[in-house]
N, C-alpha and C. Protein backbone atom coordinates (compact mmCIF):
# COMPACT_ATOMS: atom_id res chain seq x y z
N UNK A 1 152.29 199.16 131.16
CA UNK A 1 153.57 199.59 130.62
C UNK A 1 153.70 201.12 130.62
N UNK A 2 152.66 201.86 130.24
CA UNK A 2 152.81 203.32 130.27
C UNK A 2 153.18 203.84 131.67
N UNK A 3 152.57 203.31 132.69
CA UNK A 3 152.88 203.76 134.05
C UNK A 3 154.32 203.40 134.42
N UNK A 4 154.75 202.22 134.03
CA UNK A 4 156.11 201.77 134.32
C UNK A 4 157.15 202.69 133.67
N UNK A 5 156.86 203.21 132.48
CA UNK A 5 157.83 204.05 131.77
C UNK A 5 157.60 205.54 131.99
N UNK A 6 156.63 205.91 132.80
CA UNK A 6 156.29 207.31 133.02
C UNK A 6 157.44 208.11 133.61
N UNK A 7 158.20 207.54 134.50
CA UNK A 7 159.28 208.25 135.18
C UNK A 7 160.63 208.11 134.48
N UNK A 8 160.68 207.52 133.30
CA UNK A 8 161.95 207.31 132.60
C UNK A 8 162.62 208.64 132.25
N UNK A 9 163.94 208.64 132.30
CA UNK A 9 164.70 209.83 131.91
C UNK A 9 164.45 210.13 130.43
N UNK A 10 164.69 211.37 130.02
CA UNK A 10 164.50 211.76 128.63
C UNK A 10 165.33 210.84 127.73
N UNK A 11 164.73 210.39 126.63
CA UNK A 11 165.40 209.44 125.74
C UNK A 11 164.84 209.57 124.33
N UNK A 12 165.64 209.12 123.35
CA UNK A 12 165.21 209.15 121.96
C UNK A 12 164.71 207.79 121.48
N UNK A 13 165.21 206.74 122.10
CA UNK A 13 164.85 205.38 121.70
C UNK A 13 164.92 204.48 122.92
N UNK A 14 164.13 203.45 122.93
CA UNK A 14 164.19 202.43 123.99
C UNK A 14 164.86 201.21 123.38
N UNK A 15 165.91 200.73 124.02
CA UNK A 15 166.59 199.53 123.56
C UNK A 15 166.30 198.42 124.56
N UNK A 16 165.69 197.35 124.07
CA UNK A 16 165.33 196.22 124.93
C UNK A 16 166.22 195.03 124.60
N UNK A 17 166.82 194.46 125.64
CA UNK A 17 167.61 193.23 125.50
C UNK A 17 166.88 192.15 126.28
N UNK A 18 166.09 191.36 125.57
CA UNK A 18 165.21 190.38 126.21
C UNK A 18 165.34 189.04 125.49
N UNK A 19 166.35 188.30 125.85
CA UNK A 19 166.62 187.02 125.18
C UNK A 19 165.49 186.02 125.37
N UNK A 20 164.81 186.09 126.48
CA UNK A 20 163.72 185.14 126.75
C UNK A 20 162.42 185.52 126.04
N UNK A 21 162.38 186.70 125.44
CA UNK A 21 161.21 187.19 124.71
C UNK A 21 159.94 187.23 125.57
N UNK A 22 160.10 187.68 126.80
CA UNK A 22 158.98 187.77 127.72
C UNK A 22 158.51 189.21 127.89
N UNK A 23 159.42 190.15 127.91
CA UNK A 23 159.12 191.53 128.27
C UNK A 23 159.10 192.50 127.08
N UNK A 24 160.07 192.37 126.20
CA UNK A 24 160.28 193.38 125.15
C UNK A 24 159.08 193.57 124.23
N UNK A 25 158.36 192.51 123.95
CA UNK A 25 157.24 192.62 123.01
C UNK A 25 156.12 193.51 123.53
N UNK A 26 156.13 193.82 124.82
CA UNK A 26 155.10 194.70 125.39
C UNK A 26 155.47 196.18 125.25
N UNK A 27 156.67 196.50 124.84
CA UNK A 27 157.11 197.89 124.78
C UNK A 27 156.56 198.70 123.60
N UNK A 28 156.63 198.23 122.36
CA UNK A 28 156.18 199.09 121.25
C UNK A 28 154.73 199.54 121.43
N UNK A 29 154.54 200.83 121.23
CA UNK A 29 153.21 201.46 121.29
C UNK A 29 152.59 201.49 122.68
N UNK A 30 153.38 201.17 123.71
CA UNK A 30 152.80 201.13 125.05
C UNK A 30 153.59 201.95 126.07
N UNK A 31 154.51 202.78 125.63
CA UNK A 31 155.29 203.59 126.57
C UNK A 31 154.58 204.92 126.83
N UNK A 32 154.94 205.55 127.94
CA UNK A 32 154.31 206.80 128.35
C UNK A 32 154.50 207.87 127.28
N UNK A 33 155.75 208.04 126.83
CA UNK A 33 156.05 208.98 125.75
C UNK A 33 156.39 208.13 124.52
N UNK A 34 155.73 208.34 123.40
CA UNK A 34 155.98 207.50 122.24
C UNK A 34 157.41 207.66 121.72
N UNK A 35 158.14 206.57 121.72
CA UNK A 35 159.51 206.55 121.21
C UNK A 35 159.72 205.22 120.49
N UNK A 36 160.62 205.20 119.51
CA UNK A 36 160.92 203.93 118.84
C UNK A 36 161.53 202.92 119.81
N UNK A 37 161.23 201.68 119.59
CA UNK A 37 161.79 200.59 120.38
C UNK A 37 162.70 199.79 119.45
N UNK A 38 163.87 199.40 119.96
CA UNK A 38 164.83 198.63 119.16
C UNK A 38 165.40 197.51 120.01
N UNK A 39 166.00 196.55 119.36
CA UNK A 39 166.63 195.43 120.05
C UNK A 39 165.79 194.18 119.93
N UNK A 40 165.25 193.71 121.04
CA UNK A 40 164.47 192.47 121.05
C UNK A 40 163.03 192.68 120.59
N UNK A 41 162.62 193.89 120.39
CA UNK A 41 161.28 194.19 119.89
C UNK A 41 161.33 195.49 119.11
N UNK A 42 160.29 195.79 118.40
CA UNK A 42 160.28 197.01 117.61
C UNK A 42 161.21 196.84 116.42
N UNK A 43 162.24 197.67 116.34
CA UNK A 43 163.24 197.54 115.29
C UNK A 43 164.27 196.50 115.71
N UNK A 44 164.33 195.42 114.97
CA UNK A 44 165.21 194.32 115.31
C UNK A 44 166.37 194.27 114.31
N UNK A 45 167.62 194.29 114.81
CA UNK A 45 168.76 194.20 113.90
C UNK A 45 168.98 192.75 113.47
N UNK A 46 169.27 192.55 112.19
CA UNK A 46 169.55 191.20 111.70
C UNK A 46 170.43 191.27 110.47
N UNK A 47 171.00 190.14 110.12
CA UNK A 47 171.85 190.09 108.92
C UNK A 47 171.01 189.95 107.65
N UNK A 48 169.73 189.58 107.78
CA UNK A 48 168.86 189.44 106.62
C UNK A 48 167.41 189.49 107.06
N UNK A 49 166.54 189.85 106.15
CA UNK A 49 165.10 189.85 106.40
C UNK A 49 164.38 189.46 105.11
N UNK A 50 163.36 188.63 105.20
CA UNK A 50 162.66 188.18 103.99
C UNK A 50 162.08 189.30 103.13
N UNK A 51 161.85 190.47 103.69
CA UNK A 51 161.27 191.57 102.90
C UNK A 51 162.33 192.42 102.20
N UNK A 52 163.60 192.15 102.44
CA UNK A 52 164.68 192.96 101.84
C UNK A 52 164.71 192.78 100.33
N UNK A 53 164.63 193.90 99.58
CA UNK A 53 164.56 193.82 98.12
C UNK A 53 165.55 194.74 97.41
N UNK A 54 166.30 195.57 98.11
CA UNK A 54 167.21 196.51 97.46
C UNK A 54 168.48 195.81 96.99
N UNK A 55 169.22 196.48 96.11
CA UNK A 55 170.56 196.07 95.67
C UNK A 55 170.60 194.64 95.13
N UNK A 56 169.57 194.24 94.42
CA UNK A 56 169.53 192.92 93.82
C UNK A 56 169.03 191.83 94.75
N UNK A 57 168.67 192.20 95.97
CA UNK A 57 168.23 191.20 96.95
C UNK A 57 166.96 190.49 96.49
N UNK A 58 166.13 191.17 95.74
CA UNK A 58 164.89 190.54 95.24
C UNK A 58 165.22 189.30 94.42
N UNK A 59 166.30 189.38 93.62
CA UNK A 59 166.66 188.25 92.77
C UNK A 59 167.11 187.05 93.61
N UNK A 60 167.96 187.30 94.62
CA UNK A 60 168.41 186.17 95.44
C UNK A 60 167.24 185.62 96.26
N UNK A 61 166.35 186.51 96.72
CA UNK A 61 165.17 186.06 97.45
C UNK A 61 164.32 185.13 96.56
N UNK A 62 164.07 185.55 95.31
CA UNK A 62 163.25 184.75 94.40
C UNK A 62 163.90 183.40 94.09
N UNK A 63 165.21 183.40 93.86
CA UNK A 63 165.92 182.14 93.59
C UNK A 63 165.84 181.21 94.80
N UNK A 64 165.96 181.79 95.99
CA UNK A 64 165.90 180.98 97.21
C UNK A 64 164.52 180.35 97.38
N UNK A 65 163.48 181.14 97.20
CA UNK A 65 162.11 180.62 97.33
C UNK A 65 161.87 179.51 96.30
N UNK A 66 162.33 179.73 95.08
CA UNK A 66 162.15 178.71 94.03
C UNK A 66 162.86 177.41 94.40
N UNK A 67 164.04 177.51 95.01
CA UNK A 67 164.82 176.33 95.35
C UNK A 67 164.33 175.62 96.61
N UNK A 68 163.77 176.39 97.56
CA UNK A 68 163.46 175.80 98.87
C UNK A 68 161.97 175.79 99.22
N UNK A 69 161.19 176.64 98.55
CA UNK A 69 159.78 176.73 98.87
C UNK A 69 159.48 177.57 100.09
N UNK A 70 160.48 178.33 100.55
CA UNK A 70 160.27 179.23 101.70
C UNK A 70 161.13 180.48 101.52
N UNK A 71 160.86 181.47 102.38
CA UNK A 71 161.60 182.73 102.29
C UNK A 71 162.94 182.62 103.02
N UNK A 72 163.90 183.38 102.55
CA UNK A 72 165.24 183.38 103.11
C UNK A 72 165.26 184.10 104.45
N UNK A 73 166.00 183.56 105.43
CA UNK A 73 166.14 184.21 106.73
C UNK A 73 167.62 184.49 107.00
N UNK A 74 167.95 185.02 108.17
CA UNK A 74 169.32 185.40 108.49
C UNK A 74 170.29 184.23 108.42
N UNK A 75 169.91 183.08 108.97
CA UNK A 75 170.82 181.92 108.94
C UNK A 75 171.10 181.48 107.51
N UNK A 76 170.09 181.54 106.66
CA UNK A 76 170.29 181.19 105.26
C UNK A 76 171.29 182.14 104.60
N UNK A 77 171.13 183.43 104.86
CA UNK A 77 172.03 184.41 104.25
C UNK A 77 173.44 184.26 104.79
N UNK A 78 173.58 183.97 106.07
CA UNK A 78 174.91 183.77 106.65
C UNK A 78 175.60 182.57 106.01
N UNK A 79 174.84 181.49 105.80
CA UNK A 79 175.42 180.30 105.14
C UNK A 79 175.80 180.63 103.70
N UNK A 80 174.92 181.35 102.98
CA UNK A 80 175.21 181.74 101.60
C UNK A 80 176.48 182.61 101.56
N UNK A 81 176.59 183.56 102.47
CA UNK A 81 177.75 184.45 102.50
C UNK A 81 179.03 183.65 102.75
N UNK A 82 179.00 182.72 103.68
CA UNK A 82 180.18 181.91 103.97
C UNK A 82 180.61 181.10 102.75
N UNK A 83 179.64 180.46 102.10
CA UNK A 83 179.96 179.67 100.91
C UNK A 83 180.44 180.58 99.78
N UNK A 84 179.83 181.74 99.65
CA UNK A 84 180.23 182.71 98.61
C UNK A 84 181.67 183.17 98.82
N UNK A 85 182.04 183.42 100.07
CA UNK A 85 183.41 183.87 100.38
C UNK A 85 184.42 182.79 99.99
N UNK A 86 184.15 181.56 100.41
CA UNK A 86 185.08 180.48 100.10
C UNK A 86 185.09 180.20 98.60
N UNK A 87 183.92 180.19 97.99
CA UNK A 87 183.84 179.96 96.55
C UNK A 87 184.56 181.02 95.74
N UNK A 88 184.41 182.27 96.14
CA UNK A 88 185.09 183.37 95.45
C UNK A 88 186.60 183.21 95.57
N UNK A 89 187.08 182.88 96.76
CA UNK A 89 188.52 182.71 96.97
C UNK A 89 189.05 181.51 96.18
N UNK A 90 188.32 180.41 96.18
CA UNK A 90 188.77 179.23 95.43
C UNK A 90 188.80 179.51 93.94
N UNK A 91 187.79 180.22 93.44
CA UNK A 91 187.74 180.55 92.02
C UNK A 91 188.87 181.50 91.63
N UNK A 92 189.06 182.53 92.40
CA UNK A 92 190.08 183.54 92.07
C UNK A 92 191.50 183.00 92.18
N UNK A 93 191.72 182.07 93.11
CA UNK A 93 193.06 181.49 93.25
C UNK A 93 193.22 180.24 92.39
N UNK A 94 192.10 179.78 91.81
CA UNK A 94 192.11 178.54 91.03
C UNK A 94 192.72 177.40 91.83
N UNK A 95 192.31 177.32 93.10
CA UNK A 95 192.91 176.35 94.01
C UNK A 95 191.91 175.88 95.05
N UNK A 96 192.08 174.68 95.51
CA UNK A 96 191.32 174.16 96.64
C UNK A 96 192.15 174.12 97.90
N UNK A 97 193.36 174.68 97.83
CA UNK A 97 194.27 174.68 98.97
C UNK A 97 193.74 175.59 100.07
N UNK A 98 193.51 175.04 101.27
CA UNK A 98 193.03 175.88 102.38
C UNK A 98 193.97 177.06 102.67
N UNK A 99 195.26 176.85 102.52
CA UNK A 99 196.23 177.93 102.77
C UNK A 99 196.08 179.06 101.76
N UNK A 100 195.93 178.70 100.47
CA UNK A 100 195.78 179.72 99.42
C UNK A 100 194.44 180.45 99.57
N UNK A 101 193.39 179.69 99.89
CA UNK A 101 192.07 180.31 100.07
C UNK A 101 192.10 181.27 101.25
N UNK A 102 192.68 180.83 102.38
CA UNK A 102 192.76 181.69 103.57
C UNK A 102 193.58 182.94 103.28
N UNK A 103 194.68 182.79 102.59
CA UNK A 103 195.53 183.95 102.27
C UNK A 103 194.77 184.94 101.40
N UNK A 104 194.01 184.44 100.43
CA UNK A 104 193.23 185.32 99.55
C UNK A 104 192.18 186.08 100.34
N UNK A 105 191.48 185.37 101.22
CA UNK A 105 190.42 186.00 102.02
C UNK A 105 191.01 187.04 102.98
N UNK A 106 192.21 186.79 103.49
CA UNK A 106 192.84 187.71 104.45
C UNK A 106 193.50 188.91 103.78
N UNK A 107 193.56 188.91 102.47
CA UNK A 107 194.15 190.05 101.76
C UNK A 107 193.32 191.30 102.04
N UNK A 108 193.95 192.44 102.32
CA UNK A 108 193.19 193.67 102.62
C UNK A 108 192.24 194.10 101.50
N UNK A 109 192.49 193.68 100.27
CA UNK A 109 191.64 194.07 99.16
C UNK A 109 190.45 193.14 98.94
N UNK A 110 190.32 192.08 99.72
CA UNK A 110 189.24 191.12 99.52
C UNK A 110 187.90 191.70 99.94
N UNK A 111 186.89 191.47 99.10
CA UNK A 111 185.51 191.85 99.44
C UNK A 111 184.58 191.06 98.54
N UNK A 112 183.33 190.96 98.94
CA UNK A 112 182.30 190.37 98.08
C UNK A 112 181.03 191.22 98.17
N UNK A 113 180.25 191.14 97.13
CA UNK A 113 178.93 191.77 97.15
C UNK A 113 177.97 190.83 97.88
N UNK A 114 177.08 191.39 98.69
CA UNK A 114 176.16 190.55 99.47
C UNK A 114 174.74 191.12 99.50
N UNK A 115 174.37 191.87 98.45
CA UNK A 115 173.00 192.37 98.32
C UNK A 115 172.60 193.32 99.44
N UNK A 116 173.58 194.08 99.98
CA UNK A 116 173.27 194.99 101.09
C UNK A 116 173.74 196.42 100.82
N UNK A 117 174.08 196.72 99.59
CA UNK A 117 174.44 198.08 99.24
C UNK A 117 175.91 198.41 99.41
N UNK A 118 176.63 197.60 100.13
CA UNK A 118 178.07 197.78 100.31
C UNK A 118 178.74 196.42 100.24
N UNK A 119 179.95 196.39 99.73
CA UNK A 119 180.68 195.14 99.70
C UNK A 119 181.08 194.79 101.13
N UNK A 120 181.02 193.51 101.47
CA UNK A 120 181.40 193.07 102.81
C UNK A 120 182.88 192.71 102.82
N UNK A 121 183.53 192.99 103.93
CA UNK A 121 184.97 192.76 104.08
C UNK A 121 185.22 192.20 105.47
N UNK A 122 186.47 191.90 105.74
CA UNK A 122 186.85 191.40 107.06
C UNK A 122 187.69 192.43 107.80
N UNK A 123 187.49 192.52 109.11
CA UNK A 123 188.33 193.36 109.95
C UNK A 123 189.66 192.63 110.15
N UNK A 124 190.78 193.26 109.85
CA UNK A 124 192.06 192.55 109.92
C UNK A 124 192.51 192.23 111.35
N UNK A 125 191.99 192.91 112.35
CA UNK A 125 192.45 192.66 113.72
C UNK A 125 191.72 191.50 114.40
N UNK A 126 190.51 191.13 113.94
CA UNK A 126 189.81 190.00 114.56
C UNK A 126 189.08 189.11 113.55
N UNK A 127 189.19 189.43 112.27
CA UNK A 127 188.58 188.71 111.15
C UNK A 127 187.06 188.63 111.24
N UNK A 128 186.46 189.56 111.96
CA UNK A 128 185.01 189.66 111.98
C UNK A 128 184.54 190.21 110.63
N UNK A 129 183.45 189.63 110.11
CA UNK A 129 182.90 190.10 108.84
C UNK A 129 182.23 191.44 109.03
N UNK A 130 182.68 192.42 108.25
CA UNK A 130 182.02 193.73 108.24
C UNK A 130 180.86 193.63 107.26
N UNK A 131 179.65 193.93 107.73
CA UNK A 131 178.50 193.89 106.85
C UNK A 131 177.42 194.83 107.34
N UNK A 132 176.64 195.39 106.43
CA UNK A 132 175.51 196.19 106.86
C UNK A 132 174.52 195.35 107.67
N UNK A 133 173.79 196.02 108.55
CA UNK A 133 172.80 195.38 109.40
C UNK A 133 171.43 195.91 109.00
N UNK A 134 170.49 194.99 108.78
CA UNK A 134 169.13 195.39 108.44
C UNK A 134 168.34 195.62 109.72
N UNK A 135 167.64 196.73 109.79
CA UNK A 135 166.74 197.02 110.92
C UNK A 135 165.32 196.84 110.41
N UNK A 136 164.59 195.94 111.06
CA UNK A 136 163.25 195.65 110.57
C UNK A 136 162.27 195.54 111.72
N UNK A 137 161.01 195.76 111.38
CA UNK A 137 159.95 195.47 112.33
C UNK A 137 159.46 194.07 112.00
N UNK A 138 158.31 193.70 112.45
CA UNK A 138 157.83 192.34 112.23
C UNK A 138 157.60 192.02 110.75
N UNK A 139 157.40 193.04 109.92
CA UNK A 139 157.03 192.78 108.53
C UNK A 139 158.01 193.28 107.48
N UNK A 140 158.70 194.40 107.74
CA UNK A 140 159.49 195.04 106.69
C UNK A 140 160.82 195.58 107.19
N UNK A 141 161.76 195.69 106.25
CA UNK A 141 163.02 196.38 106.55
C UNK A 141 162.70 197.87 106.63
N UNK A 142 163.10 198.49 107.73
CA UNK A 142 162.84 199.90 107.94
C UNK A 142 164.06 200.74 107.54
N UNK A 143 165.25 200.19 107.79
CA UNK A 143 166.48 200.92 107.52
C UNK A 143 167.64 199.94 107.43
N UNK A 144 168.72 200.39 106.82
CA UNK A 144 169.94 199.59 106.75
C UNK A 144 171.06 200.41 107.39
N UNK A 145 171.73 199.80 108.35
CA UNK A 145 172.85 200.47 109.01
C UNK A 145 174.16 199.96 108.44
N UNK A 146 175.20 200.81 108.37
CA UNK A 146 175.36 202.01 109.15
C UNK A 146 174.48 203.15 108.63
N UNK A 147 174.05 203.96 109.57
CA UNK A 147 173.20 205.09 109.25
C UNK A 147 174.04 206.20 108.63
N UNK A 148 173.44 206.93 107.73
CA UNK A 148 174.12 208.03 107.06
C UNK A 148 174.64 209.04 108.09
N UNK A 149 175.84 209.50 107.87
CA UNK A 149 176.42 210.52 108.74
C UNK A 149 177.39 209.98 109.77
N UNK A 150 177.42 208.67 109.99
CA UNK A 150 178.39 208.08 110.91
C UNK A 150 179.63 207.71 110.11
N UNK A 151 180.64 208.53 110.23
CA UNK A 151 181.85 208.36 109.44
C UNK A 151 182.91 207.58 110.22
N UNK A 152 183.79 206.94 109.49
CA UNK A 152 184.89 206.19 110.09
C UNK A 152 186.11 206.35 109.20
N UNK A 153 187.29 206.40 109.80
CA UNK A 153 188.51 206.64 109.04
C UNK A 153 188.91 205.47 108.14
N UNK A 154 188.43 204.26 108.42
CA UNK A 154 188.81 203.09 107.62
C UNK A 154 187.63 202.56 106.82
N UNK A 155 186.56 202.20 107.50
CA UNK A 155 185.38 201.65 106.84
C UNK A 155 184.13 202.14 107.55
N UNK A 156 183.18 202.61 106.77
CA UNK A 156 181.90 203.03 107.35
C UNK A 156 181.26 201.90 108.16
N UNK A 157 181.53 200.65 107.74
CA UNK A 157 180.98 199.50 108.45
C UNK A 157 181.60 199.32 109.83
N UNK A 158 182.75 199.93 110.08
CA UNK A 158 183.36 199.85 111.41
C UNK A 158 182.67 200.75 112.43
N UNK A 159 181.66 201.50 111.99
CA UNK A 159 180.86 202.26 112.97
C UNK A 159 179.92 201.32 113.71
N UNK A 160 179.75 200.09 113.20
CA UNK A 160 178.90 199.09 113.84
C UNK A 160 179.77 198.19 114.71
N UNK A 161 179.37 197.98 115.94
CA UNK A 161 180.11 197.08 116.82
C UNK A 161 181.30 197.75 117.47
N UNK A 162 182.14 196.92 118.05
CA UNK A 162 183.32 197.41 118.77
C UNK A 162 184.45 197.59 117.77
N UNK A 163 185.04 198.77 117.77
CA UNK A 163 186.10 199.10 116.83
C UNK A 163 187.47 198.68 117.38
N UNK A 164 188.48 198.66 116.51
CA UNK A 164 189.81 198.18 116.88
C UNK A 164 190.39 198.85 118.12
N UNK A 165 190.35 200.18 118.24
CA UNK A 165 190.93 200.79 119.45
C UNK A 165 190.18 200.43 120.74
N UNK A 166 188.95 199.94 120.61
CA UNK A 166 188.12 199.65 121.78
C UNK A 166 188.16 198.19 122.22
N UNK A 167 188.86 197.34 121.48
CA UNK A 167 188.83 195.91 121.78
C UNK A 167 190.19 195.41 122.28
N UNK A 168 190.12 194.36 123.07
CA UNK A 168 191.34 193.70 123.51
C UNK A 168 191.62 192.46 122.66
N UNK A 169 190.76 192.18 121.70
CA UNK A 169 190.88 191.00 120.85
C UNK A 169 192.04 191.17 119.88
N UNK A 170 193.02 190.35 120.00
CA UNK A 170 194.16 190.35 119.09
C UNK A 170 194.41 188.91 118.67
N UNK A 171 194.21 188.60 117.41
CA UNK A 171 194.41 187.25 116.93
C UNK A 171 195.90 186.97 116.74
N UNK A 172 196.29 185.75 117.01
CA UNK A 172 197.67 185.36 116.77
C UNK A 172 197.87 185.21 115.27
N UNK A 173 198.94 185.76 114.77
CA UNK A 173 199.28 185.59 113.36
C UNK A 173 199.91 184.22 113.16
N UNK A 174 199.41 183.48 112.20
CA UNK A 174 199.95 182.14 111.96
C UNK A 174 200.78 182.11 110.72
């Protein structure tokens, strides 16, 4: 690997996209010039990590382990967030009506806490959930994005992913 990366152009980080998990795992600690690796190896972005403990996450982690006998992973947190969103909307509207729940969730002021340091919200142009992303290595959360200093005119969370002016995605209003 060091010889393979010897001629690489100057860079600050190596980003590996290796869905088959065959190549990327060989990159950390094996490049010609030591640089952080992100993506499919090294620092991996995810919606949750079992070692996450900030912003009350330790409490939800402990409750989850007690209930299931295992540590919480990204899919578990995504399911919890989805149920939390619907539950919050049903409680606040005092209704089980799908129309009332959807309208409440689509309100620009809607948000929920999700143990990630910022309230999560929806992008009004494509209804994608805005949420911080945990960057972790094999054992621990190393950082939470968005990274400090990346500003946005609407939401700091819109610095992650494709922003409204950059997308062709336009949902039909119903």
